[in-house]
Amino acid sequence: MTRFSVGIYDRLFGKKTTFELTDSKGSVVERIVTEKWLETMKEQEKMSVVKESSVSSISSQEAVGIVIKAATDDLPLKWAHVQSEIIGYNEIFKEVPEEWVQFEFLLASLGLDLLALYNLYPKEQAIKMHEQVLSLIGQMEEIGENSSTAVHDYYLVASDAINKTENPLDYVASFLCHRLDMTEDIGPIALTGIMGGITQFAGKWRWIKQNFTISA
């Protein structure tokens, strides 16, 4: 269980809300939480809601820029940890250039994160920001149009999993292996490590929702 969600699936895709809460010492803290987590805390009488909090306002375009930059900045900082969590990493990816592997994890996380938009924001607003993510990636010289298409493809794969009531992380991790031309079965343990690695760079829209309101 993460600090303000109930499990990894709830952290990424659970409906979110921002509240000021009182902790066990009576101090007021502002947090973005999932509805499921908040309900659990109320049932256990660990926290009580004080009021909804106020957050700063930014444009949707600014939010998109922050999300992409944050994911990109995270890559060199977290990559060693990602490698260590994938059992047999060096053997699994021995035929694939390191830069390509890193880049695919980044694209996969951005595509997976697009699902969160539709839980965090009204549908029309989520669609607008979804399109802005793809547009901005497509305009970046070092990434380009092909990467924008890849991010959208990862989103479609994850959405397909949701529609089938399957684990979207499983689908996205398998699609990542496919895009890296890894045709051999890598096994469930390694796949679980890849799933965890992808989530290391996801969750950016949750952070945006916690700290900002998106202006019209």
N, C-alpha and C. Protein backbone atom coordinates (compact mmCIF):
# COMPACT_ATOMS: atom_id res chain seq x y z
N MET A 1 0.83 -1.19 0.00
CA MET A 1 0.00 0.00 0.00
C MET A 1 0.87 1.25 0.00
N THR A 2 0.71 2.12 -1.01
CA THR A 2 1.44 3.37 -1.03
C THR A 2 0.84 4.31 0.00
N ARG A 3 1.47 5.44 0.22
CA ARG A 3 1.07 6.26 1.36
C ARG A 3 -0.36 6.78 1.24
N PHE A 4 -0.78 7.19 0.05
CA PHE A 4 -2.11 7.78 -0.10
C PHE A 4 -2.94 7.07 -1.16
N SER A 5 -2.70 5.78 -1.32
CA SER A 5 -3.50 4.96 -2.22
C SER A 5 -3.50 3.53 -1.70
N VAL A 6 -4.36 2.72 -2.26
CA VAL A 6 -4.46 1.34 -1.83
C VAL A 6 -3.94 0.45 -2.97
N GLY A 7 -2.66 0.18 -2.97
CA GLY A 7 -2.07 -0.65 -4.00
C GLY A 7 -1.65 0.14 -5.23
N ILE A 8 -0.82 -0.48 -6.07
CA ILE A 8 -0.24 0.21 -7.22
C ILE A 8 -1.29 0.56 -8.26
N TYR A 9 -2.30 -0.31 -8.44
CA TYR A 9 -3.34 -0.04 -9.42
C TYR A 9 -4.16 1.17 -8.99
N ASP A 10 -4.48 1.24 -7.71
CA ASP A 10 -5.25 2.37 -7.19
C ASP A 10 -4.44 3.66 -7.29
N ARG A 11 -3.13 3.56 -7.06
CA ARG A 11 -2.27 4.75 -7.14
C ARG A 11 -2.28 5.35 -8.54
N LEU A 12 -2.23 4.49 -9.55
CA LEU A 12 -2.15 4.99 -10.92
C LEU A 12 -3.51 5.36 -11.49
N PHE A 13 -4.55 4.57 -11.18
CA PHE A 13 -5.80 4.73 -11.89
C PHE A 13 -7.01 5.04 -11.00
N GLY A 14 -6.82 5.00 -9.69
CA GLY A 14 -7.94 5.29 -8.81
C GLY A 14 -8.35 6.76 -8.87
N LYS A 15 -9.63 7.02 -8.68
CA LYS A 15 -10.12 8.39 -8.70
C LYS A 15 -9.52 9.16 -7.53
N LYS A 16 -9.06 10.39 -7.82
CA LYS A 16 -8.33 11.18 -6.84
C LYS A 16 -9.17 12.36 -6.33
N THR A 17 -8.83 12.81 -5.13
CA THR A 17 -9.42 14.02 -4.58
C THR A 17 -8.40 14.68 -3.67
N THR A 18 -8.46 16.01 -3.56
CA THR A 18 -7.50 16.75 -2.74
C THR A 18 -8.20 17.27 -1.49
N PHE A 19 -7.61 16.98 -0.33
CA PHE A 19 -8.21 17.40 0.93
C PHE A 19 -7.14 17.89 1.89
N GLU A 20 -7.58 18.71 2.83
CA GLU A 20 -6.77 18.96 4.02
C GLU A 20 -7.24 17.97 5.06
N LEU A 21 -6.29 17.26 5.66
CA LEU A 21 -6.62 16.21 6.62
C LEU A 21 -5.96 16.50 7.95
N THR A 22 -6.57 16.01 9.00
CA THR A 22 -5.92 16.08 10.30
C THR A 22 -5.30 14.73 10.60
N ASP A 23 -4.04 14.74 10.99
CA ASP A 23 -3.39 13.48 11.30
C ASP A 23 -3.60 13.12 12.77
N SER A 24 -2.94 12.08 13.21
CA SER A 24 -3.16 11.58 14.57
C SER A 24 -2.73 12.56 15.65
N LYS A 25 -1.87 13.55 15.28
CA LYS A 25 -1.41 14.54 16.25
C LYS A 25 -2.22 15.82 16.19
N GLY A 26 -3.22 15.84 15.29
CA GLY A 26 -4.06 17.02 15.18
C GLY A 26 -3.54 18.06 14.21
N SER A 27 -2.44 17.76 13.55
CA SER A 27 -1.87 18.71 12.58
C SER A 27 -2.65 18.63 11.27
N VAL A 28 -2.77 19.77 10.59
CA VAL A 28 -3.48 19.82 9.31
C VAL A 28 -2.47 19.64 8.18
N VAL A 29 -2.74 18.68 7.31
CA VAL A 29 -1.85 18.42 6.18
C VAL A 29 -2.68 18.38 4.90
N GLU A 30 -2.12 18.88 3.81
CA GLU A 30 -2.80 18.87 2.52
C GLU A 30 -2.26 17.72 1.69
N ARG A 31 -3.16 16.89 1.18
CA ARG A 31 -2.73 15.72 0.43
C ARG A 31 -3.70 15.42 -0.72
N ILE A 32 -3.13 14.87 -1.81
CA ILE A 32 -3.94 14.29 -2.86
C ILE A 32 -4.07 12.81 -2.54
N VAL A 33 -5.29 12.30 -2.46
CA VAL A 33 -5.52 10.92 -2.05
C VAL A 33 -6.49 10.27 -3.02
N THR A 34 -6.50 8.95 -3.04
CA THR A 34 -7.52 8.27 -3.81
C THR A 34 -8.78 8.15 -2.96
N GLU A 35 -9.91 8.09 -3.62
CA GLU A 35 -11.17 7.97 -2.89
C GLU A 35 -11.20 6.67 -2.07
N LYS A 36 -10.62 5.63 -2.63
CA LYS A 36 -10.59 4.35 -1.93
C LYS A 36 -9.75 4.43 -0.67
N TRP A 37 -8.60 5.12 -0.77
CA TRP A 37 -7.74 5.29 0.40
C TRP A 37 -8.44 6.11 1.47
N LEU A 38 -9.09 7.21 1.05
CA LEU A 38 -9.77 8.07 2.00
C LEU A 38 -10.89 7.33 2.73
N GLU A 39 -11.63 6.53 1.97
CA GLU A 39 -12.70 5.74 2.59
C GLU A 39 -12.13 4.76 3.61
N THR A 40 -11.00 4.16 3.27
CA THR A 40 -10.36 3.21 4.19
C THR A 40 -9.92 3.91 5.47
N MET A 41 -9.32 5.09 5.34
CA MET A 41 -8.85 5.84 6.50
C MET A 41 -10.02 6.26 7.40
N LYS A 42 -11.13 6.65 6.77
CA LYS A 42 -12.30 7.04 7.56
C LYS A 42 -12.83 5.85 8.35
N GLU A 43 -12.88 4.69 7.67
CA GLU A 43 -13.38 3.49 8.34
C GLU A 43 -12.50 3.11 9.52
N GLN A 44 -11.20 3.33 9.39
CA GLN A 44 -10.27 3.00 10.46
C GLN A 44 -10.11 4.14 11.46
N GLU A 45 -10.80 5.27 11.17
CA GLU A 45 -10.78 6.45 12.04
C GLU A 45 -9.35 6.95 12.27
N LYS A 46 -8.55 6.88 11.23
CA LYS A 46 -7.17 7.36 11.35
C LYS A 46 -7.04 8.83 10.98
N MET A 47 -7.95 9.33 10.12
CA MET A 47 -7.90 10.73 9.73
C MET A 47 -9.31 11.25 9.52
N SER A 48 -9.48 12.54 9.71
CA SER A 48 -10.77 13.17 9.43
C SER A 48 -10.55 14.31 8.45
N VAL A 49 -11.53 14.51 7.57
CA VAL A 49 -11.42 15.55 6.55
C VAL A 49 -11.70 16.91 7.16
N VAL A 50 -10.83 17.88 6.87
CA VAL A 50 -11.04 19.24 7.34
C VAL A 50 -11.77 20.05 6.27
N LYS A 51 -11.18 20.16 5.09
CA LYS A 51 -11.81 20.90 3.99
C LYS A 51 -11.02 20.61 2.72
N GLU A 52 -11.66 20.90 1.59
CA GLU A 52 -10.95 20.79 0.34
C GLU A 52 -9.91 21.89 0.26
N SER A 53 -8.77 21.58 -0.28
CA SER A 53 -7.67 22.55 -0.31
C SER A 53 -7.69 23.37 -1.58
N SER A 54 -7.03 24.52 -1.54
CA SER A 54 -6.88 25.36 -2.71
C SER A 54 -5.51 25.14 -3.31
N VAL A 55 -5.42 25.12 -4.62
CA VAL A 55 -4.15 24.88 -5.30
C VAL A 55 -3.95 25.92 -6.38
N SER A 56 -2.72 26.09 -6.82
CA SER A 56 -2.39 27.08 -7.83
C SER A 56 -2.94 26.67 -9.18
N SER A 57 -3.13 27.66 -10.06
CA SER A 57 -3.70 27.42 -11.37
C SER A 57 -2.64 27.55 -12.46
N ILE A 58 -2.63 26.59 -13.39
CA ILE A 58 -1.77 26.64 -14.56
C ILE A 58 -2.58 26.23 -15.77
N SER A 59 -2.08 26.54 -16.96
CA SER A 59 -2.77 26.12 -18.17
C SER A 59 -2.53 24.64 -18.43
N SER A 60 -3.38 24.04 -19.23
CA SER A 60 -3.20 22.63 -19.56
C SER A 60 -1.90 22.41 -20.32
N GLN A 61 -1.52 23.37 -21.17
CA GLN A 61 -0.27 23.25 -21.91
C GLN A 61 0.93 23.26 -20.97
N GLU A 62 0.87 24.11 -19.95
CA GLU A 62 1.94 24.14 -18.96
C GLU A 62 2.01 22.82 -18.19
N ALA A 63 0.85 22.28 -17.86
CA ALA A 63 0.80 21.01 -17.14
C ALA A 63 1.43 19.89 -17.97
N VAL A 64 1.13 19.87 -19.25
CA VAL A 64 1.69 18.85 -20.15
C VAL A 64 3.21 18.96 -20.18
N GLY A 65 3.71 20.19 -20.27
CA GLY A 65 5.15 20.40 -20.29
C GLY A 65 5.82 19.91 -19.01
N ILE A 66 5.18 20.16 -17.88
CA ILE A 66 5.72 19.73 -16.59
C ILE A 66 5.79 18.20 -16.52
N VAL A 67 4.72 17.56 -16.97
CA VAL A 67 4.64 16.09 -16.92
C VAL A 67 5.75 15.46 -17.76
N ILE A 68 5.92 15.94 -18.98
CA ILE A 68 6.93 15.36 -19.87
C ILE A 68 8.33 15.62 -19.35
N LYS A 69 8.57 16.83 -18.87
CA LYS A 69 9.90 17.16 -18.34
C LYS A 69 10.21 16.33 -17.09
N ALA A 70 9.21 16.17 -16.22
CA ALA A 70 9.42 15.40 -14.99
C ALA A 70 9.76 13.96 -15.30
N ALA A 71 9.05 13.36 -16.26
CA ALA A 71 9.33 11.98 -16.63
C ALA A 71 10.72 11.85 -17.24
N THR A 72 11.09 12.81 -18.07
CA THR A 72 12.41 12.80 -18.71
C THR A 72 13.52 12.98 -17.68
N ASP A 73 13.31 13.88 -16.73
CA ASP A 73 14.31 14.11 -15.68
C ASP A 73 14.48 12.90 -14.78
N ASP A 74 13.39 12.15 -14.58
CA ASP A 74 13.44 10.98 -13.71
C ASP A 74 14.27 9.84 -14.29
N LEU A 75 14.36 9.80 -15.61
CA LEU A 75 15.00 8.65 -16.27
C LEU A 75 16.41 8.39 -15.78
N PRO A 76 17.34 9.36 -15.82
CA PRO A 76 18.69 9.06 -15.35
C PRO A 76 18.77 8.87 -13.84
N LEU A 77 17.84 9.47 -13.11
CA LEU A 77 17.87 9.37 -11.65
C LEU A 77 17.42 8.00 -11.15
N LYS A 78 16.50 7.38 -11.85
CA LYS A 78 15.89 6.15 -11.37
C LYS A 78 16.31 4.91 -12.14
N TRP A 79 17.09 5.10 -13.20
CA TRP A 79 17.35 3.97 -14.08
C TRP A 79 18.11 2.84 -13.39
N ALA A 80 19.10 3.16 -12.59
CA ALA A 80 19.86 2.12 -11.90
C ALA A 80 18.95 1.28 -11.02
N HIS A 81 17.99 1.91 -10.36
CA HIS A 81 17.05 1.18 -9.52
C HIS A 81 16.16 0.28 -10.36
N VAL A 82 15.70 0.80 -11.50
CA VAL A 82 14.87 0.01 -12.40
C VAL A 82 15.62 -1.25 -12.83
N GLN A 83 16.87 -1.09 -13.23
CA GLN A 83 17.68 -2.24 -13.65
C GLN A 83 17.79 -3.27 -12.52
N SER A 84 18.01 -2.79 -11.32
CA SER A 84 18.21 -3.71 -10.20
C SER A 84 16.95 -4.50 -9.85
N GLU A 85 15.78 -3.96 -10.20
CA GLU A 85 14.52 -4.62 -9.87
C GLU A 85 14.11 -5.66 -10.90
N ILE A 86 14.78 -5.67 -12.06
CA ILE A 86 14.46 -6.63 -13.11
C ILE A 86 15.47 -7.78 -13.04
N ILE A 87 15.04 -8.91 -12.52
CA ILE A 87 15.93 -10.06 -12.36
C ILE A 87 16.40 -10.54 -13.73
N GLY A 88 17.73 -10.63 -13.88
CA GLY A 88 18.29 -11.05 -15.15
C GLY A 88 18.29 -9.96 -16.20
N TYR A 89 18.31 -8.71 -15.76
CA TYR A 89 18.22 -7.58 -16.70
C TYR A 89 19.26 -7.68 -17.82
N ASN A 90 20.52 -7.88 -17.46
CA ASN A 90 21.59 -7.88 -18.47
C ASN A 90 21.39 -8.97 -19.51
N GLU A 91 20.90 -10.11 -19.11
CA GLU A 91 20.67 -11.20 -20.04
C GLU A 91 19.45 -10.92 -20.91
N ILE A 92 18.40 -10.40 -20.29
CA ILE A 92 17.15 -10.15 -21.01
C ILE A 92 17.32 -9.12 -22.12
N PHE A 93 18.07 -8.06 -21.81
CA PHE A 93 18.19 -6.95 -22.76
C PHE A 93 19.57 -6.91 -23.44
N LYS A 94 20.27 -8.02 -23.46
CA LYS A 94 21.64 -8.02 -23.97
C LYS A 94 21.73 -7.66 -25.45
N GLU A 95 20.67 -7.91 -26.23
CA GLU A 95 20.69 -7.64 -27.66
C GLU A 95 20.13 -6.27 -28.01
N VAL A 96 19.72 -5.51 -26.99
CA VAL A 96 19.06 -4.22 -27.24
C VAL A 96 19.93 -3.08 -26.72
N PRO A 97 20.18 -2.04 -27.53
CA PRO A 97 20.96 -0.89 -27.05
C PRO A 97 20.33 -0.27 -25.80
N GLU A 98 21.17 0.08 -24.84
CA GLU A 98 20.69 0.62 -23.56
C GLU A 98 19.81 1.85 -23.74
N GLU A 99 20.19 2.73 -24.66
CA GLU A 99 19.43 3.96 -24.87
C GLU A 99 18.01 3.66 -25.35
N TRP A 100 17.90 2.62 -26.17
CA TRP A 100 16.58 2.25 -26.68
C TRP A 100 15.71 1.70 -25.56
N VAL A 101 16.29 0.88 -24.70
CA VAL A 101 15.54 0.32 -23.58
C VAL A 101 15.03 1.45 -22.67
N GLN A 102 15.91 2.36 -22.32
CA GLN A 102 15.52 3.48 -21.47
C GLN A 102 14.39 4.28 -22.10
N PHE A 103 14.54 4.57 -23.38
CA PHE A 103 13.57 5.39 -24.08
C PHE A 103 12.20 4.72 -24.12
N GLU A 104 12.18 3.40 -24.33
CA GLU A 104 10.90 2.69 -24.36
C GLU A 104 10.21 2.71 -23.01
N PHE A 105 10.97 2.60 -21.93
CA PHE A 105 10.37 2.70 -20.59
C PHE A 105 9.73 4.08 -20.41
N LEU A 106 10.39 5.12 -20.90
CA LEU A 106 9.85 6.47 -20.80
C LEU A 106 8.56 6.60 -21.60
N LEU A 107 8.56 6.14 -22.85
CA LEU A 107 7.38 6.22 -23.70
C LEU A 107 6.23 5.41 -23.11
N ALA A 108 6.56 4.23 -22.59
CA ALA A 108 5.53 3.37 -21.99
C ALA A 108 4.88 4.06 -20.79
N SER A 109 5.69 4.70 -19.96
CA SER A 109 5.15 5.37 -18.77
C SER A 109 4.25 6.53 -19.16
N LEU A 110 4.64 7.29 -20.19
CA LEU A 110 3.82 8.42 -20.64
C LEU A 110 2.49 7.92 -21.21
N GLY A 111 2.54 6.83 -21.95
CA GLY A 111 1.31 6.27 -22.50
C GLY A 111 0.40 5.72 -21.42
N LEU A 112 0.98 5.01 -20.47
CA LEU A 112 0.21 4.48 -19.35
C LEU A 112 -0.41 5.60 -18.54
N ASP A 113 0.35 6.66 -18.33
CA ASP A 113 -0.13 7.78 -17.53
C ASP A 113 -1.32 8.49 -18.15
N LEU A 114 -1.47 8.38 -19.47
CA LEU A 114 -2.61 9.03 -20.11
C LEU A 114 -3.93 8.47 -19.59
N LEU A 115 -3.94 7.21 -19.16
CA LEU A 115 -5.16 6.64 -18.58
C LEU A 115 -5.60 7.42 -17.36
N ALA A 116 -4.63 7.87 -16.58
CA ALA A 116 -4.96 8.57 -15.33
C ALA A 116 -5.72 9.86 -15.59
N LEU A 117 -5.47 10.49 -16.75
CA LEU A 117 -6.17 11.74 -17.07
C LEU A 117 -7.68 11.58 -16.97
N TYR A 118 -8.18 10.44 -17.41
CA TYR A 118 -9.63 10.24 -17.50
C TYR A 118 -10.26 9.92 -16.13
N ASN A 119 -9.44 9.62 -15.15
CA ASN A 119 -9.92 9.47 -13.78
C ASN A 119 -9.79 10.75 -12.99
N LEU A 120 -8.84 11.60 -13.41
CA LEU A 120 -8.53 12.80 -12.64
C LEU A 120 -9.32 14.03 -13.10
N TYR A 121 -9.70 14.06 -14.38
CA TYR A 121 -10.32 15.26 -14.95
C TYR A 121 -11.59 14.91 -15.73
N PRO A 122 -12.47 15.90 -15.94
CA PRO A 122 -13.64 15.65 -16.79
C PRO A 122 -13.21 15.19 -18.17
N LYS A 123 -14.07 14.42 -18.83
CA LYS A 123 -13.70 13.77 -20.07
C LYS A 123 -13.18 14.74 -21.13
N GLU A 124 -13.89 15.85 -21.36
CA GLU A 124 -13.47 16.80 -22.40
C GLU A 124 -12.09 17.39 -22.09
N GLN A 125 -11.86 17.70 -20.82
CA GLN A 125 -10.57 18.25 -20.41
C GLN A 125 -9.47 17.20 -20.56
N ALA A 126 -9.79 15.97 -20.20
CA ALA A 126 -8.81 14.89 -20.33
C ALA A 126 -8.44 14.65 -21.79
N ILE A 127 -9.43 14.66 -22.67
CA ILE A 127 -9.17 14.47 -24.10
C ILE A 127 -8.26 15.59 -24.62
N LYS A 128 -8.53 16.82 -24.20
CA LYS A 128 -7.71 17.96 -24.64
C LYS A 128 -6.26 17.78 -24.22
N MET A 129 -6.04 17.41 -22.95
CA MET A 129 -4.66 17.25 -22.47
C MET A 129 -3.99 16.03 -23.09
N HIS A 130 -4.77 14.99 -23.34
CA HIS A 130 -4.26 13.82 -24.04
C HIS A 130 -3.69 14.25 -25.40
N GLU A 131 -4.46 15.02 -26.13
CA GLU A 131 -4.03 15.48 -27.45
C GLU A 131 -2.81 16.41 -27.34
N GLN A 132 -2.77 17.21 -26.29
CA GLN A 132 -1.64 18.12 -26.10
C GLN A 132 -0.35 17.36 -25.80
N VAL A 133 -0.47 16.27 -25.04
CA VAL A 133 0.71 15.44 -24.76
C VAL A 133 1.29 14.92 -26.07
N LEU A 134 0.44 14.34 -26.90
CA LEU A 134 0.91 13.77 -28.16
C LEU A 134 1.46 14.84 -29.09
N SER A 135 0.81 16.00 -29.10
CA SER A 135 1.27 17.09 -29.95
C SER A 135 2.64 17.60 -29.53
N LEU A 136 2.82 17.80 -28.22
CA LEU A 136 4.10 18.32 -27.73
C LEU A 136 5.23 17.33 -27.99
N ILE A 137 4.99 16.05 -27.74
CA ILE A 137 6.02 15.05 -28.00
C ILE A 137 6.37 15.03 -29.48
N GLY A 138 5.37 15.14 -30.33
CA GLY A 138 5.60 15.13 -31.77
C GLY A 138 6.41 16.31 -32.26
N GLN A 139 6.36 17.42 -31.52
CA GLN A 139 7.08 18.63 -31.92
C GLN A 139 8.51 18.69 -31.39
N MET A 140 8.85 17.77 -30.48
CA MET A 140 10.19 17.79 -29.88
C MET A 140 11.19 17.14 -30.83
N GLU A 141 12.20 17.90 -31.24
CA GLU A 141 13.15 17.44 -32.25
C GLU A 141 13.85 16.15 -31.84
N GLU A 142 14.20 16.03 -30.55
CA GLU A 142 14.96 14.86 -30.11
C GLU A 142 14.06 13.64 -29.91
N ILE A 143 12.75 13.82 -30.01
CA ILE A 143 11.82 12.69 -29.82
C ILE A 143 11.04 12.45 -31.11
N GLY A 144 10.20 13.41 -31.48
CA GLY A 144 9.57 13.38 -32.79
C GLY A 144 8.26 12.63 -32.89
N GLU A 145 7.75 12.63 -34.13
CA GLU A 145 6.43 12.10 -34.42
C GLU A 145 6.30 10.62 -34.13
N ASN A 146 7.34 9.85 -34.43
CA ASN A 146 7.27 8.41 -34.18
C ASN A 146 7.07 8.10 -32.70
N SER A 147 7.69 8.89 -31.84
CA SER A 147 7.54 8.69 -30.41
C SER A 147 6.15 9.06 -29.94
N SER A 148 5.57 10.09 -30.55
CA SER A 148 4.20 10.48 -30.22
C SER A 148 3.25 9.33 -30.54
N THR A 149 3.46 8.70 -31.68
CA THR A 149 2.64 7.55 -32.07
C THR A 149 2.82 6.40 -31.08
N ALA A 150 4.06 6.17 -30.64
CA ALA A 150 4.34 5.09 -29.69
C ALA A 150 3.63 5.33 -28.37
N VAL A 151 3.66 6.55 -27.87
CA VAL A 151 2.98 6.88 -26.61
C VAL A 151 1.48 6.59 -26.74
N HIS A 152 0.91 6.99 -27.87
CA HIS A 152 -0.52 6.73 -28.08
C HIS A 152 -0.80 5.24 -28.17
N ASP A 153 0.10 4.49 -28.81
CA ASP A 153 -0.07 3.05 -28.91
C ASP A 153 -0.03 2.39 -27.53
N TYR A 154 0.88 2.85 -26.68
CA TYR A 154 0.92 2.32 -25.31
C TYR A 154 -0.39 2.61 -24.58
N TYR A 155 -0.93 3.80 -24.79
CA TYR A 155 -2.21 4.15 -24.19
C TYR A 155 -3.32 3.22 -24.69
N LEU A 156 -3.33 2.95 -25.99
CA LEU A 156 -4.36 2.08 -26.56
C LEU A 156 -4.26 0.66 -26.00
N VAL A 157 -3.04 0.18 -25.84
CA VAL A 157 -2.82 -1.15 -25.27
C VAL A 157 -3.34 -1.21 -23.84
N ALA A 158 -3.02 -0.18 -23.06
CA ALA A 158 -3.50 -0.14 -21.67
C ALA A 158 -5.02 -0.03 -21.61
N SER A 159 -5.60 0.77 -22.50
CA SER A 159 -7.05 0.92 -22.54
C SER A 159 -7.73 -0.40 -22.90
N ASP A 160 -7.11 -1.13 -23.83
CA ASP A 160 -7.65 -2.43 -24.22
C ASP A 160 -7.68 -3.38 -23.02
N ALA A 161 -6.63 -3.33 -22.21
CA ALA A 161 -6.59 -4.16 -21.01
C ALA A 161 -7.72 -3.80 -20.05
N ILE A 162 -7.94 -2.51 -19.86
CA ILE A 162 -9.02 -2.05 -18.98
C ILE A 162 -10.36 -2.56 -19.48
N ASN A 163 -10.58 -2.45 -20.79
CA ASN A 163 -11.85 -2.90 -21.37
C ASN A 163 -12.06 -4.40 -21.18
N LYS A 164 -10.97 -5.14 -21.10
CA LYS A 164 -11.05 -6.59 -20.90
C LYS A 164 -10.95 -6.97 -19.43
N THR A 165 -10.97 -5.94 -18.56
CA THR A 165 -10.80 -6.12 -17.11
C THR A 165 -9.51 -6.87 -16.79
N GLU A 166 -8.48 -6.58 -17.55
CA GLU A 166 -7.15 -7.15 -17.33
C GLU A 166 -6.24 -6.09 -16.75
N ASN A 167 -5.06 -6.49 -16.33
CA ASN A 167 -4.08 -5.58 -15.75
C ASN A 167 -3.39 -4.78 -16.86
N PRO A 168 -3.58 -3.47 -16.93
CA PRO A 168 -2.96 -2.68 -18.00
C PRO A 168 -1.44 -2.69 -17.94
N LEU A 169 -0.87 -2.80 -16.73
CA LEU A 169 0.58 -2.86 -16.61
C LEU A 169 1.15 -4.09 -17.31
N ASP A 170 0.46 -5.19 -17.19
CA ASP A 170 0.88 -6.42 -17.85
C ASP A 170 0.90 -6.24 -19.36
N TYR A 171 -0.16 -5.66 -19.88
CA TYR A 171 -0.26 -5.43 -21.33
C TYR A 171 0.82 -4.48 -21.81
N VAL A 172 1.04 -3.39 -21.07
CA VAL A 172 2.02 -2.40 -21.48
C VAL A 172 3.43 -2.97 -21.44
N ALA A 173 3.74 -3.75 -20.40
CA ALA A 173 5.07 -4.36 -20.30
C ALA A 173 5.31 -5.35 -21.45
N SER A 174 4.29 -6.12 -21.79
CA SER A 174 4.42 -7.06 -22.90
C SER A 174 4.60 -6.32 -24.22
N PHE A 175 3.88 -5.22 -24.38
CA PHE A 175 4.01 -4.42 -25.61
C PHE A 175 5.39 -3.79 -25.70
N LEU A 176 5.94 -3.37 -24.57
CA LEU A 176 7.30 -2.84 -24.54
C LEU A 176 8.29 -3.88 -25.06
N CYS A 177 8.15 -5.11 -24.59
CA CYS A 177 9.04 -6.19 -25.05
C CYS A 177 8.88 -6.43 -26.55
N HIS A 178 7.65 -6.34 -27.03
CA HIS A 178 7.38 -6.50 -28.45
C HIS A 178 8.07 -5.41 -29.26
N ARG A 179 7.97 -4.17 -28.78
CA ARG A 179 8.58 -3.05 -29.50
C ARG A 179 10.11 -3.14 -29.49
N LEU A 180 10.66 -3.80 -28.50
CA LEU A 180 12.11 -3.99 -28.43
C LEU A 180 12.56 -5.25 -29.17
N ASP A 181 11.64 -5.85 -29.91
CA ASP A 181 11.94 -7.05 -30.71
C ASP A 181 12.41 -8.23 -29.86
N MET A 182 11.87 -8.31 -28.65
CA MET A 182 12.20 -9.42 -27.76
C MET A 182 11.14 -10.49 -27.94
N THR A 183 11.44 -11.46 -28.78
CA THR A 183 10.44 -12.46 -29.15
C THR A 183 10.40 -13.64 -28.19
N GLU A 184 11.47 -13.88 -27.45
CA GLU A 184 11.50 -15.01 -26.53
C GLU A 184 10.71 -14.69 -25.25
N ASP A 185 10.15 -15.73 -24.66
CA ASP A 185 9.41 -15.59 -23.41
C ASP A 185 10.38 -15.25 -22.28
N ILE A 186 10.18 -14.11 -21.63
CA ILE A 186 11.10 -13.69 -20.58
C ILE A 186 10.66 -14.16 -19.20
N GLY A 187 9.45 -14.69 -19.10
CA GLY A 187 9.00 -15.23 -17.83
C GLY A 187 8.27 -14.21 -16.97
N PRO A 188 7.39 -14.69 -16.10
CA PRO A 188 6.55 -13.79 -15.29
C PRO A 188 7.33 -12.96 -14.28
N ILE A 189 8.42 -13.49 -13.74
CA ILE A 189 9.18 -12.74 -12.73
C ILE A 189 9.83 -11.52 -13.37
N ALA A 190 10.47 -11.71 -14.50
CA ALA A 190 11.10 -10.58 -15.19
C ALA A 190 10.05 -9.59 -15.67
N LEU A 191 8.91 -10.10 -16.15
CA LEU A 191 7.85 -9.21 -16.62
C LEU A 191 7.33 -8.36 -15.48
N THR A 192 7.23 -8.93 -14.29
CA THR A 192 6.81 -8.16 -13.12
C THR A 192 7.81 -7.04 -12.82
N GLY A 193 9.10 -7.33 -12.98
CA GLY A 193 10.12 -6.30 -12.79
C GLY A 193 9.99 -5.19 -13.81
N ILE A 194 9.68 -5.54 -15.04
CA ILE A 194 9.49 -4.53 -16.09
C ILE A 194 8.27 -3.68 -15.78
N MET A 195 7.22 -4.30 -15.32
CA MET A 195 6.02 -3.56 -14.93
C MET A 195 6.34 -2.54 -13.84
N GLY A 196 7.09 -3.00 -12.84
CA GLY A 196 7.49 -2.09 -11.77
C GLY A 196 8.36 -0.96 -12.26
N GLY A 197 9.25 -1.27 -13.22
CA GLY A 197 10.12 -0.24 -13.78
C GLY A 197 9.34 0.85 -14.49
N ILE A 198 8.32 0.46 -15.23
CA ILE A 198 7.49 1.43 -15.94
C ILE A 198 6.80 2.38 -14.95
N THR A 199 6.32 1.82 -13.84
CA THR A 199 5.61 2.66 -12.87
C THR A 199 6.54 3.66 -12.18
N GLN A 200 7.86 3.41 -12.22
CA GLN A 200 8.80 4.35 -11.62
C GLN A 200 8.72 5.73 -12.27
N PHE A 201 8.31 5.77 -13.54
CA PHE A 201 8.26 7.03 -14.26
C PHE A 201 6.84 7.53 -14.48
N ALA A 202 5.86 6.78 -14.00
CA ALA A 202 4.46 7.17 -14.14
C ALA A 202 3.99 7.92 -12.89
N GLY A 203 2.72 8.29 -12.88
CA GLY A 203 2.14 8.99 -11.73
C GLY A 203 2.29 10.49 -11.76
N LYS A 204 2.73 11.05 -12.90
CA LYS A 204 2.97 12.50 -12.97
C LYS A 204 1.67 13.30 -12.93
N TRP A 205 0.62 12.77 -13.57
CA TRP A 205 -0.64 13.52 -13.57
C TRP A 205 -1.27 13.55 -12.17
N ARG A 206 -1.03 12.52 -11.40
CA ARG A 206 -1.49 12.55 -10.00
C ARG A 206 -0.83 13.70 -9.26
N TRP A 207 0.48 13.89 -9.50
CA TRP A 207 1.20 14.98 -8.84
C TRP A 207 0.68 16.34 -9.31
N ILE A 208 0.38 16.47 -10.59
CA ILE A 208 -0.19 17.72 -11.11
C ILE A 208 -1.51 18.02 -10.41
N LYS A 209 -2.35 17.01 -10.30
CA LYS A 209 -3.65 17.19 -9.66
C LYS A 209 -3.49 17.61 -8.20
N GLN A 210 -2.45 17.12 -7.56
CA GLN A 210 -2.20 17.43 -6.16
C GLN A 210 -1.80 18.89 -5.97
N ASN A 211 -1.03 19.42 -6.91
CA ASN A 211 -0.41 20.72 -6.72
C ASN A 211 -1.01 21.87 -7.50
N PHE A 212 -1.83 21.56 -8.53
CA PHE A 212 -2.33 22.63 -9.40
C PHE A 212 -3.78 22.37 -9.80
N THR A 213 -4.47 23.45 -10.11
CA THR A 213 -5.72 23.34 -10.86
C THR A 213 -5.41 23.72 -12.29
N ILE A 214 -6.10 23.09 -13.23
CA ILE A 214 -5.89 23.36 -14.65
C ILE A 214 -6.91 24.38 -15.11
N SER A 215 -6.45 25.54 -15.56
CA SER A 215 -7.37 26.58 -16.02
C SER A 215 -7.97 26.21 -17.35
N ALA A 216 -9.10 26.81 -17.68
CA ALA A 216 -9.79 26.49 -18.92
C ALA A 216 -8.99 26.98 -20.12
